[in-house]
Amino acid sequence: MRVNELKAQLNQQILEAVILSYADSNHYLAGGIDSQGNYHLLSDAKGKTMTFNSLREAEVMLASMGVTSATFEMQSAYDEMVASASVGNVKTSLNLLH
């Protein structure tokens, strides 16, 4: 989803802002999540999903679109590999400063 489309849907509260990370990855994804749990990630003018080199870069991108808070979600396969009872994603709320 391109920046203008995401911004419009976030402003209309159709989507909730989200930043995604995967354990051991050096890239972050930013976008929105709908009420059914579907992710709509930012893409460039050619339709390629945008990646960010740091959490801060992803925060700045969302803040530049007027977003003041986002859910940060980190996914990991480690819990599954060791059969931990705490399988799931780590989620926290971030306040974005302009």
PDB file of N, CA and C in Angstrom:
ATOM      1  N   MET A   1       0.845  -1.162   0.000  1.00  0.00           N
ATOM      2  CA  MET A   1       0.000   0.000   0.000  1.00  0.00           C
ATOM      3  C   MET A   1       0.901   1.240   0.000  1.00  0.00           C
ATOM      4  N   ARG A   2       0.634   2.133  -0.902  1.00  0.00           N
ATOM      5  CA  ARG A   2       1.444   3.352  -1.006  1.00  0.00           C
ATOM      6  C   ARG A   2       1.160   4.307   0.150  1.00  0.00           C
ATOM      7  N   VAL A   3       2.101   5.219   0.385  1.00  0.00           N
ATOM      8  CA  VAL A   3       2.049   6.122   1.536  1.00  0.00           C
ATOM      9  C   VAL A   3       0.722   6.872   1.622  1.00  0.00           C
ATOM     10  N   ASN A   4       0.279   7.481   0.526  1.00  0.00           N
ATOM     11  CA  ASN A   4      -0.969   8.254   0.555  1.00  0.00           C
ATOM     12  C   ASN A   4      -2.179   7.390   0.884  1.00  0.00           C
ATOM     13  N   GLU A   5      -2.213   6.168   0.350  1.00  0.00           N
ATOM     14  CA  GLU A   5      -3.325   5.252   0.636  1.00  0.00           C
ATOM     15  C   GLU A   5      -3.333   4.857   2.106  1.00  0.00           C
ATOM     16  N   LEU A   6      -2.145   4.518   2.637  1.00  0.00           N
ATOM     17  CA  LEU A   6      -2.062   4.130   4.035  1.00  0.00           C
ATOM     18  C   LEU A   6      -2.448   5.290   4.941  1.00  0.00           C
ATOM     19  N   LYS A   7      -1.940   6.469   4.627  1.00  0.00           N
ATOM     20  CA  LYS A   7      -2.249   7.649   5.431  1.00  0.00           C
ATOM     21  C   LYS A   7      -3.759   7.889   5.488  1.00  0.00           C
ATOM     22  N   ALA A   8      -4.434   7.796   4.355  1.00  0.00           N
ATOM     23  CA  ALA A   8      -5.886   8.001   4.309  1.00  0.00           C
ATOM     24  C   ALA A   8      -6.616   6.965   5.155  1.00  0.00           C
ATOM     25  N   GLN A   9      -6.214   5.700   5.061  1.00  0.00           N
ATOM     26  CA  GLN A   9      -6.901   4.646   5.812  1.00  0.00           C
ATOM     27  C   GLN A   9      -6.609   4.724   7.310  1.00  0.00           C
ATOM     28  N   LEU A  10      -5.398   5.183   7.674  1.00  0.00           N
ATOM     29  CA  LEU A  10      -5.097   5.392   9.088  1.00  0.00           C
ATOM     30  C   LEU A  10      -5.919   6.553   9.637  1.00  0.00           C
ATOM     31  N   ASN A  11      -6.015   7.633   8.870  1.00  0.00           N
ATOM     32  CA  ASN A  11      -6.802   8.804   9.297  1.00  0.00           C
ATOM     33  C   ASN A  11      -8.279   8.470   9.456  1.00  0.00           C
ATOM     34  N   GLN A  12      -8.792   7.594   8.603  1.00  0.00           N
ATOM     35  CA  GLN A  12     -10.203   7.187   8.675  1.00  0.00           C
ATOM     36  C   GLN A  12     -10.418   6.064   9.697  1.00  0.00           C
ATOM     37  N   GLN A  13      -9.349   5.650  10.360  1.00  0.00           N
ATOM     38  CA  GLN A  13      -9.352   4.579  11.356  1.00  0.00           C
ATOM     39  C   GLN A  13      -9.824   3.246  10.793  1.00  0.00           C
ATOM     40  N   ILE A  14      -9.576   3.042   9.505  1.00  0.00           N
ATOM     41  CA  ILE A  14      -9.845   1.749   8.872  1.00  0.00           C
ATOM     42  C   ILE A  14      -8.746   0.770   9.259  1.00  0.00           C
ATOM     43  N   LEU A  15      -7.519   1.293   9.385  1.00  0.00           N
ATOM     44  CA  LEU A  15      -6.357   0.495   9.772  1.00  0.00           C
ATOM     45  C   LEU A  15      -5.737   1.060  11.040  1.00  0.00           C
ATOM     46  N   GLU A  16      -5.040   0.193  11.779  1.00  0.00           N
ATOM     47  CA  GLU A  16      -4.264   0.596  12.949  1.00  0.00           C
ATOM     48  C   GLU A  16      -2.788   0.501  12.557  1.00  0.00           C
ATOM     49  N   ALA A  17      -2.003   1.521  12.898  1.00  0.00           N
ATOM     50  CA  ALA A  17      -0.586   1.541  12.544  1.00  0.00           C
ATOM     51  C   ALA A  17       0.168   0.407  13.223  1.00  0.00           C
ATOM     52  N   VAL A  18       1.096  -0.208  12.476  1.00  0.00           N
ATOM     53  CA  VAL A  18       1.872  -1.325  13.004  1.00  0.00           C
ATOM     54  C   VAL A  18       3.284  -1.293  12.427  1.00  0.00           C
ATOM     55  N   ILE A  19       4.237  -1.719  13.255  1.00  0.00           N
ATOM     56  CA  ILE A  19       5.623  -1.936  12.817  1.00  0.00           C
ATOM     57  C   ILE A  19       5.938  -3.387  13.142  1.00  0.00           C
ATOM     58  N   LEU A  20       6.458  -4.105  12.158  1.00  0.00           N
ATOM     59  CA  LEU A  20       6.757  -5.525  12.320  1.00  0.00           C
ATOM     60  C   LEU A  20       8.254  -5.769  12.307  1.00  0.00           C
ATOM     61  N   SER A  21       8.669  -6.730  13.126  1.00  0.00           N
ATOM     62  CA  SER A  21      10.058  -7.154  13.162  1.00  0.00           C
ATOM     63  C   SER A  21      10.082  -8.663  13.341  1.00  0.00           C
ATOM     64  N   TYR A  22      11.118  -9.275  12.861  1.00  0.00           N
ATOM     65  CA  TYR A  22      11.310 -10.709  13.014  1.00  0.00           C
ATOM     66  C   TYR A  22      12.630 -10.930  13.725  1.00  0.00           C
ATOM     67  N   ALA A  23      12.651 -11.831  14.703  1.00  0.00           N
ATOM     68  CA  ALA A  23      13.867 -12.098  15.464  1.00  0.00           C
ATOM     69  C   ALA A  23      15.026 -12.371  14.519  1.00  0.00           C
ATOM     70  N   ASP A  24      16.164 -11.806  14.827  1.00  0.00           N
ATOM     71  CA  ASP A  24      17.404 -11.962  14.059  1.00  0.00           C
ATOM     72  C   ASP A  24      17.376 -11.300  12.685  1.00  0.00           C
ATOM     73  N   SER A  25      16.390 -10.479  12.422  1.00  0.00           N
ATOM     74  CA  SER A  25      16.344  -9.756  11.155  1.00  0.00           C
ATOM     75  C   SER A  25      16.817  -8.324  11.391  1.00  0.00           C
ATOM     76  N   ASN A  26      17.466  -7.748  10.403  1.00  0.00           N
ATOM     77  CA  ASN A  26      17.915  -6.359  10.535  1.00  0.00           C
ATOM     78  C   ASN A  26      17.018  -5.411   9.753  1.00  0.00           C
ATOM     79  N   HIS A  27      15.798  -5.838   9.435  1.00  0.00           N
ATOM     80  CA  HIS A  27      14.854  -4.992   8.725  1.00  0.00           C
ATOM     81  C   HIS A  27      13.534  -4.932   9.471  1.00  0.00           C
ATOM     82  N   TYR A  28      12.847  -3.821   9.299  1.00  0.00           N
ATOM     83  CA  TYR A  28      11.545  -3.600   9.898  1.00  0.00           C
ATOM     84  C   TYR A  28      10.562  -3.263   8.787  1.00  0.00           C
ATOM     85  N   LEU A  29       9.306  -3.596   8.996  1.00  0.00           N
ATOM     86  CA  LEU A  29       8.243  -3.278   8.052  1.00  0.00           C
ATOM     87  C   LEU A  29       7.248  -2.369   8.758  1.00  0.00           C
ATOM     88  N   ALA A  30       6.625  -1.469   8.028  1.00  0.00           N
ATOM     89  CA  ALA A  30       5.636  -0.556   8.606  1.00  0.00           C
ATOM     90  C   ALA A  30       4.386  -0.575   7.740  1.00  0.00           C
ATOM     91  N   GLY A  31       3.266  -0.342   8.375  1.00  0.00           N
ATOM     92  CA  GLY A  31       2.011  -0.306   7.636  1.00  0.00           C
ATOM     93  C   GLY A  31       0.840  -0.250   8.579  1.00  0.00           C
ATOM     94  N   GLY A  32      -0.216  -0.958   8.215  1.00  0.00           N
ATOM     95  CA  GLY A  32      -1.424  -0.976   9.016  1.00  0.00           C
ATOM     96  C   GLY A  32      -1.987  -2.375   9.097  1.00  0.00           C
ATOM     97  N   ILE A  33      -2.825  -2.585  10.083  1.00  0.00           N
ATOM     98  CA  ILE A  33      -3.501  -3.874  10.249  1.00  0.00           C
ATOM     99  C   ILE A  33      -5.001  -3.597  10.327  1.00  0.00           C
ATOM    100  N   ASP A  34      -5.793  -4.418   9.626  1.00  0.00           N
ATOM    101  CA  ASP A  34      -7.246  -4.199   9.622  1.00  0.00           C
ATOM    102  C   ASP A  34      -7.918  -5.013  10.728  1.00  0.00           C
ATOM    103  N   SER A  35      -9.208  -4.880  10.833  1.00  0.00           N
ATOM    104  CA  SER A  35      -9.959  -5.535  11.912  1.00  0.00           C
ATOM    105  C   SER A  35      -9.967  -7.062  11.797  1.00  0.00           C
ATOM    106  N   GLN A  36      -9.628  -7.595  10.629  1.00  0.00           N
ATOM    107  CA  GLN A  36      -9.553  -9.043  10.452  1.00  0.00           C
ATOM    108  C   GLN A  36      -8.140  -9.577  10.675  1.00  0.00           C
ATOM    109  N   GLY A  37      -7.189  -8.690  11.013  1.00  0.00           N
ATOM    110  CA  GLY A  37      -5.816  -9.114  11.268  1.00  0.00           C
ATOM    111  C   GLY A  37      -4.931  -9.164  10.027  1.00  0.00           C
ATOM    112  N   ASN A  38      -5.382  -8.594   8.920  1.00  0.00           N
ATOM    113  CA  ASN A  38      -4.595  -8.570   7.686  1.00  0.00           C
ATOM    114  C   ASN A  38      -3.647  -7.369   7.702  1.00  0.00           C
ATOM    115  N   TYR A  39      -2.406  -7.613   7.321  1.00  0.00           N
ATOM    116  CA  TYR A  39      -1.410  -6.545   7.258  1.00  0.00           C
ATOM    117  C   TYR A  39      -1.432  -5.881   5.891  1.00  0.00           C
ATOM    118  N   HIS A  40      -1.283  -4.564   5.892  1.00  0.00           N
ATOM    119  CA  HIS A  40      -1.199  -3.772   4.673  1.00  0.00           C
ATOM    120  C   HIS A  40       0.089  -2.956   4.815  1.00  0.00           C
ATOM    121  N   LEU A  41       1.150  -3.431   4.181  1.00  0.00           N
ATOM    122  CA  LEU A  41       2.473  -2.853   4.378  1.00  0.00           C
ATOM    123  C   LEU A  41       2.753  -1.749   3.378  1.00  0.00           C
ATOM    124  N   LEU A  42       3.580  -0.803   3.818  1.00  0.00           N
ATOM    125  CA  LEU A  42       3.979   0.299   2.938  1.00  0.00           C
ATOM    126  C   LEU A  42       4.750  -0.236   1.745  1.00  0.00           C
ATOM    127  N   SER A  43       4.464   0.343   0.585  1.00  0.00           N
ATOM    128  CA  SER A  43       5.192  -0.026  -0.632  1.00  0.00           C
ATOM    129  C   SER A  43       5.641   1.242  -1.345  1.00  0.00           C
ATOM    130  N   ASP A  44       6.676   1.083  -2.152  1.00  0.00           N
ATOM    131  CA  ASP A  44       7.186   2.228  -2.905  1.00  0.00           C
ATOM    132  C   ASP A  44       6.362   2.431  -4.173  1.00  0.00           C
ATOM    133  N   ALA A  45       6.780   3.366  -4.995  1.00  0.00           N
ATOM    134  CA  ALA A  45       6.031   3.705  -6.211  1.00  0.00           C
ATOM    135  C   ALA A  45       5.926   2.532  -7.186  1.00  0.00           C
ATOM    136  N   LYS A  46       6.859   1.574  -7.103  1.00  0.00           N
ATOM    137  CA  LYS A  46       6.839   0.405  -7.984  1.00  0.00           C
ATOM    138  C   LYS A  46       6.077  -0.771  -7.381  1.00  0.00           C
ATOM    139  N   GLY A  47       5.509  -0.566  -6.174  1.00  0.00           N
ATOM    140  CA  GLY A  47       4.754  -1.633  -5.531  1.00  0.00           C
ATOM    141  C   GLY A  47       5.581  -2.579  -4.680  1.00  0.00           C
ATOM    142  N   LYS A  48       6.881  -2.295  -4.518  1.00  0.00           N
ATOM    143  CA  LYS A  48       7.760  -3.142  -3.716  1.00  0.00           C
ATOM    144  C   LYS A  48       7.628  -2.757  -2.239  1.00  0.00           C
ATOM    145  N   THR A  49       7.500  -3.759  -1.364  1.00  0.00           N
ATOM    146  CA  THR A  49       7.378  -3.506   0.061  1.00  0.00           C
ATOM    147  C   THR A  49       8.604  -2.758   0.572  1.00  0.00           C
ATOM    148  N   MET A  50       8.361  -1.686   1.311  1.00  0.00           N
ATOM    149  CA  MET A  50       9.451  -0.882   1.858  1.00  0.00           C
ATOM    150  C   MET A  50       9.995  -1.554   3.115  1.00  0.00           C
ATOM    151  N   THR A  51      11.321  -1.566   3.250  1.00  0.00           N
ATOM    152  CA  THR A  51      11.955  -2.062   4.466  1.00  0.00           C
ATOM    153  C   THR A  51      12.721  -0.923   5.112  1.00  0.00           C
ATOM    154  N   PHE A  52      12.850  -1.003   6.431  1.00  0.00           N
ATOM    155  CA  PHE A  52      13.539   0.027   7.193  1.00  0.00           C
ATOM    156  C   PHE A  52      14.674  -0.626   7.966  1.00  0.00           C
ATOM    157  N   ASN A  53      15.804   0.060   8.068  1.00  0.00           N
ATOM    158  CA  ASN A  53      16.995  -0.501   8.702  1.00  0.00           C
ATOM    159  C   ASN A  53      16.975  -0.412  10.219  1.00  0.00           C
ATOM    160  N   SER A  54      16.038   0.311  10.771  1.00  0.00           N
ATOM    161  CA  SER A  54      15.935   0.419  12.225  1.00  0.00           C
ATOM    162  C   SER A  54      14.486   0.683  12.615  1.00  0.00           C
ATOM    163  N   LEU A  55      14.211   0.415  13.877  1.00  0.00           N
ATOM    164  CA  LEU A  55      12.885   0.720  14.405  1.00  0.00           C
ATOM    165  C   LEU A  55      12.622   2.214  14.285  1.00  0.00           C
ATOM    166  N   ARG A  56      13.648   3.010  14.545  1.00  0.00           N
ATOM    167  CA  ARG A  56      13.496   4.468  14.482  1.00  0.00           C
ATOM    168  C   ARG A  56      13.109   4.928  13.075  1.00  0.00           C
ATOM    169  N   GLU A  57      13.713   4.358  12.030  1.00  0.00           N
ATOM    170  CA  GLU A  57      13.351   4.729  10.653  1.00  0.00           C
ATOM    171  C   GLU A  57      11.873   4.453  10.386  1.00  0.00           C
ATOM    172  N   ALA A  58      11.388   3.311  10.850  1.00  0.00           N
ATOM    173  CA  ALA A  58       9.970   2.966  10.656  1.00  0.00           C
ATOM    174  C   ALA A  58       9.077   3.931  11.430  1.00  0.00           C
ATOM    175  N   GLU A  59       9.485   4.279  12.659  1.00  0.00           N
ATOM    176  CA  GLU A  59       8.722   5.236  13.459  1.00  0.00           C
ATOM    177  C   GLU A  59       8.655   6.600  12.772  1.00  0.00           C
ATOM    178  N   VAL A  60       9.779   7.064  12.248  1.00  0.00           N
ATOM    179  CA  VAL A  60       9.830   8.376  11.588  1.00  0.00           C
ATOM    180  C   VAL A  60       8.918   8.388  10.366  1.00  0.00           C
ATOM    181  N   MET A  61       8.897   7.303   9.606  1.00  0.00           N
ATOM    182  CA  MET A  61       8.022   7.233   8.435  1.00  0.00           C
ATOM    183  C   MET A  61       6.562   7.356   8.844  1.00  0.00           C
ATOM    184  N   LEU A  62       6.155   6.602   9.854  1.00  0.00           N
ATOM    185  CA  LEU A  62       4.763   6.679  10.304  1.00  0.00           C
ATOM    186  C   LEU A  62       4.455   8.049  10.895  1.00  0.00           C
ATOM    187  N   ALA A  63       5.378   8.599  11.673  1.00  0.00           N
ATOM    188  CA  ALA A  63       5.171   9.924  12.263  1.00  0.00           C
ATOM    189  C   ALA A  63       5.027  10.991  11.185  1.00  0.00           C
ATOM    190  N   SER A  64       5.765  10.849  10.086  1.00  0.00           N
ATOM    191  CA  SER A  64       5.665  11.823   8.990  1.00  0.00           C
ATOM    192  C   SER A  64       4.290  11.796   8.336  1.00  0.00           C
ATOM    193  N   MET A  65       3.536  10.716   8.558  1.00  0.00           N
ATOM    194  CA  MET A  65       2.186  10.597   8.023  1.00  0.00           C
ATOM    195  C   MET A  65       1.150  11.033   9.052  1.00  0.00           C
ATOM    196  N   GLY A  66       1.610  11.560  10.192  1.00  0.00           N
ATOM    197  CA  GLY A  66       0.689  12.040  11.211  1.00  0.00           C
ATOM    198  C   GLY A  66       0.310  11.011  12.260  1.00  0.00           C
ATOM    199  N   VAL A  67       0.908   9.847  12.228  1.00  0.00           N
ATOM    200  CA  VAL A  67       0.603   8.798  13.196  1.00  0.00           C
ATOM    201  C   VAL A  67       1.245   9.158  14.536  1.00  0.00           C
ATOM    202  N   THR A  68       0.500   9.019  15.625  1.00  0.00           N
ATOM    203  CA  THR A  68       1.034   9.340  16.953  1.00  0.00           C
ATOM    204  C   THR A  68       1.307   8.101  17.803  1.00  0.00           C
ATOM    205  N   SER A  69       0.749   6.955  17.410  1.00  0.00           N
ATOM    206  CA  SER A  69       1.039   5.708  18.126  1.00  0.00           C
ATOM    207  C   SER A  69       0.923   4.538  17.158  1.00  0.00           C
ATOM    208  N   ALA A  70       1.663   3.485  17.470  1.00  0.00           N
ATOM    209  CA  ALA A  70       1.647   2.289  16.628  1.00  0.00           C
ATOM    210  C   ALA A  70       1.887   1.073  17.505  1.00  0.00           C
ATOM    211  N   THR A  71       1.439  -0.066  17.040  1.00  0.00           N
ATOM    212  CA  THR A  71       1.740  -1.325  17.701  1.00  0.00           C
ATOM    213  C   THR A  71       3.031  -1.856  17.116  1.00  0.00           C
ATOM    214  N   PHE A  72       3.972  -2.226  17.993  1.00  0.00           N
ATOM    215  CA  PHE A  72       5.218  -2.852  17.555  1.00  0.00           C
ATOM    216  C   PHE A  72       5.079  -4.339  17.819  1.00  0.00           C
ATOM    217  N   GLU A  73       5.270  -5.145  16.779  1.00  0.00           N
ATOM    218  CA  GLU A  73       5.102  -6.590  16.890  1.00  0.00           C
ATOM    219  C   GLU A  73       6.377  -7.289  16.443  1.00  0.00           C
ATOM    220  N   MET A  74       6.914  -8.135  17.340  1.00  0.00           N
ATOM    221  CA  MET A  74       8.102  -8.914  16.999  1.00  0.00           C
ATOM    222  C   MET A  74       7.713 -10.385  16.966  1.00  0.00           C
ATOM    223  N   GLN A  75       8.013 -11.011  15.857  1.00  0.00           N
ATOM    224  CA  GLN A  75       7.693 -12.421  15.700  1.00  0.00           C
ATOM    225  C   GLN A  75       8.972 -13.238  15.801  1.00  0.00           C
ATOM    226  N   SER A  76       8.860 -14.430  16.392  1.00  0.00           N
ATOM    227  CA  SER A  76      10.015 -15.294  16.577  1.00  0.00           C
ATOM    228  C   SER A  76       9.599 -16.752  16.436  1.00  0.00           C
ATOM    229  N   ALA A  77      10.441 -17.529  15.813  1.00  0.00           N
ATOM    230  CA  ALA A  77      10.178 -18.962  15.685  1.00  0.00           C
ATOM    231  C   ALA A  77      10.829 -19.745  16.820  1.00  0.00           C
ATOM    232  N   TYR A  78      11.594 -19.095  17.673  1.00  0.00           N
ATOM    233  CA  TYR A  78      12.326 -19.797  18.725  1.00  0.00           C
ATOM    234  C   TYR A  78      11.423 -20.545  19.684  1.00  0.00           C
ATOM    235  N   ASP A  79      10.304 -19.932  20.079  1.00  0.00           N
ATOM    236  CA  ASP A  79       9.394 -20.613  21.003  1.00  0.00           C
ATOM    237  C   ASP A  79       8.869 -21.912  20.404  1.00  0.00           C
ATOM    238  N   GLU A  80       8.575 -21.903  19.130  1.00  0.00           N
ATOM    239  CA  GLU A  80       8.093 -23.122  18.474  1.00  0.00           C
ATOM    240  C   GLU A  80       9.177 -24.191  18.447  1.00  0.00           C
ATOM    241  N   MET A  81      10.413 -23.769  18.211  1.00  0.00           N
ATOM    242  CA  MET A  81      11.500 -24.734  18.074  1.00  0.00           C
ATOM    243  C   MET A  81      11.816 -25.440  19.389  1.00  0.00           C
ATOM    244  N   VAL A  82      11.628 -24.779  20.511  1.00  0.00           N
ATOM    245  CA  VAL A  82      11.942 -25.388  21.805  1.00  0.00           C
ATOM    246  C   VAL A  82      10.679 -25.805  22.549  1.00  0.00           C
ATOM    247  N   ALA A  83       9.544 -25.781  21.857  1.00  0.00           N
ATOM    248  CA  ALA A  83       8.252 -26.195  22.408  1.00  0.00           C
ATOM    249  C   ALA A  83       7.898 -25.447  23.687  1.00  0.00           C
ATOM    250  N   SER A  84       8.139 -24.159  23.671  1.00  0.00           N
ATOM    251  CA  SER A  84       7.804 -23.320  24.814  1.00  0.00           C
ATOM    252  C   SER A  84       6.299 -23.103  24.882  1.00  0.00           C
ATOM    253  N   ALA A  85       5.800 -22.954  26.088  1.00  0.00           N
ATOM    254  CA  ALA A  85       4.373 -22.696  26.270  1.00  0.00           C
ATOM    255  C   ALA A  85       4.006 -21.269  25.896  1.00  0.00           C
ATOM    256  N   SER A  86       5.001 -20.403  25.727  1.00  0.00           N
ATOM    257  CA  SER A  86       4.723 -18.990  25.436  1.00  0.00           C
ATOM    258  C   SER A  86       4.819 -18.676  23.949  1.00  0.00           C
ATOM    259  N   VAL A  87       4.307 -19.576  23.124  1.00  0.00           N
ATOM    260  CA  VAL A  87       4.336 -19.348  21.688  1.00  0.00           C
ATOM    261  C   VAL A  87       3.464 -18.145  21.352  1.00  0.00           C
ATOM    262  N   GLY A  88       3.977 -17.265  20.530  1.00  0.00           N
ATOM    263  CA  GLY A  88       3.207 -16.108  20.116  1.00  0.00           C
ATOM    264  C   GLY A  88       4.107 -14.929  19.821  1.00  0.00           C
ATOM    265  N   ASN A  89       3.505 -13.854  19.416  1.00  0.00           N
ATOM    266  CA  ASN A  89       4.241 -12.651  19.071  1.00  0.00           C
ATOM    267  C   ASN A  89       4.300 -11.728  20.271  1.00  0.00           C
ATOM    268  N   VAL A  90       5.375 -10.977  20.354  1.00  0.00           N
ATOM    269  CA  VAL A  90       5.514  -9.960  21.372  1.00  0.00           C
ATOM    270  C   VAL A  90       4.961  -8.670  20.789  1.00  0.00           C
ATOM    271  N   LYS A  91       4.013  -8.051  21.488  1.00  0.00           N
ATOM    272  CA  LYS A  91       3.406  -6.812  21.012  1.00  0.00           C
ATOM    273  C   LYS A  91       3.493  -5.756  22.104  1.00  0.00           C
ATOM    274  N   THR A  92       3.761  -4.525  21.701  1.00  0.00           N
ATOM    275  CA  THR A  92       3.758  -3.419  22.620  1.00  0.00           C
ATOM    276  C   THR A  92       3.315  -2.160  21.869  1.00  0.00           C
ATOM    277  N   SER A  93       2.829  -1.194  22.603  1.00  0.00           N
ATOM    278  CA  SER A  93       2.392   0.058  21.992  1.00  0.00           C
ATOM    279  C   SER A  93       3.514   1.082  22.055  1.00  0.00           C
ATOM    280  N   LEU A  94       3.716   1.778  20.963  1.00  0.00           N
ATOM    281  CA  LEU A  94       4.735   2.817  20.869  1.00  0.00           C
ATOM    282  C   LEU A  94       4.082   4.173  20.690  1.00  0.00           C
ATOM    283  N   ASN A  95       4.552   5.163  21.430  1.00  0.00           N
ATOM    284  CA  ASN A  95       4.154   6.540  21.188  1.00  0.00           C
ATOM    285  C   ASN A  95       5.178   7.145  20.240  1.00  0.00           C
ATOM    286  N   LEU A  96       4.719   7.708  19.138  1.00  0.00           N
ATOM    287  CA  LEU A  96       5.604   8.257  18.135  1.00  0.00           C
ATOM    288  C   LEU A  96       5.717   9.767  18.319  1.00  0.00           C
ATOM    289  N   LEU A  97       6.943  10.232  18.423  1.00  0.00           N
ATOM    290  CA  LEU A  97       7.196  11.659  18.572  1.00  0.00           C
ATOM    291  C   LEU A  97       7.588  12.227  17.230  1.00  0.00           C
ATOM    292  N   HIS A  98       7.085  13.391  16.923  1.00  0.00           N
ATOM    293  CA  HIS A  98       7.396  14.032  15.643  1.00  0.00           C
ATOM    294  C   HIS A  98       8.692  14.794  15.750  1.00  0.00           C
TER     295      HIS A  98
END
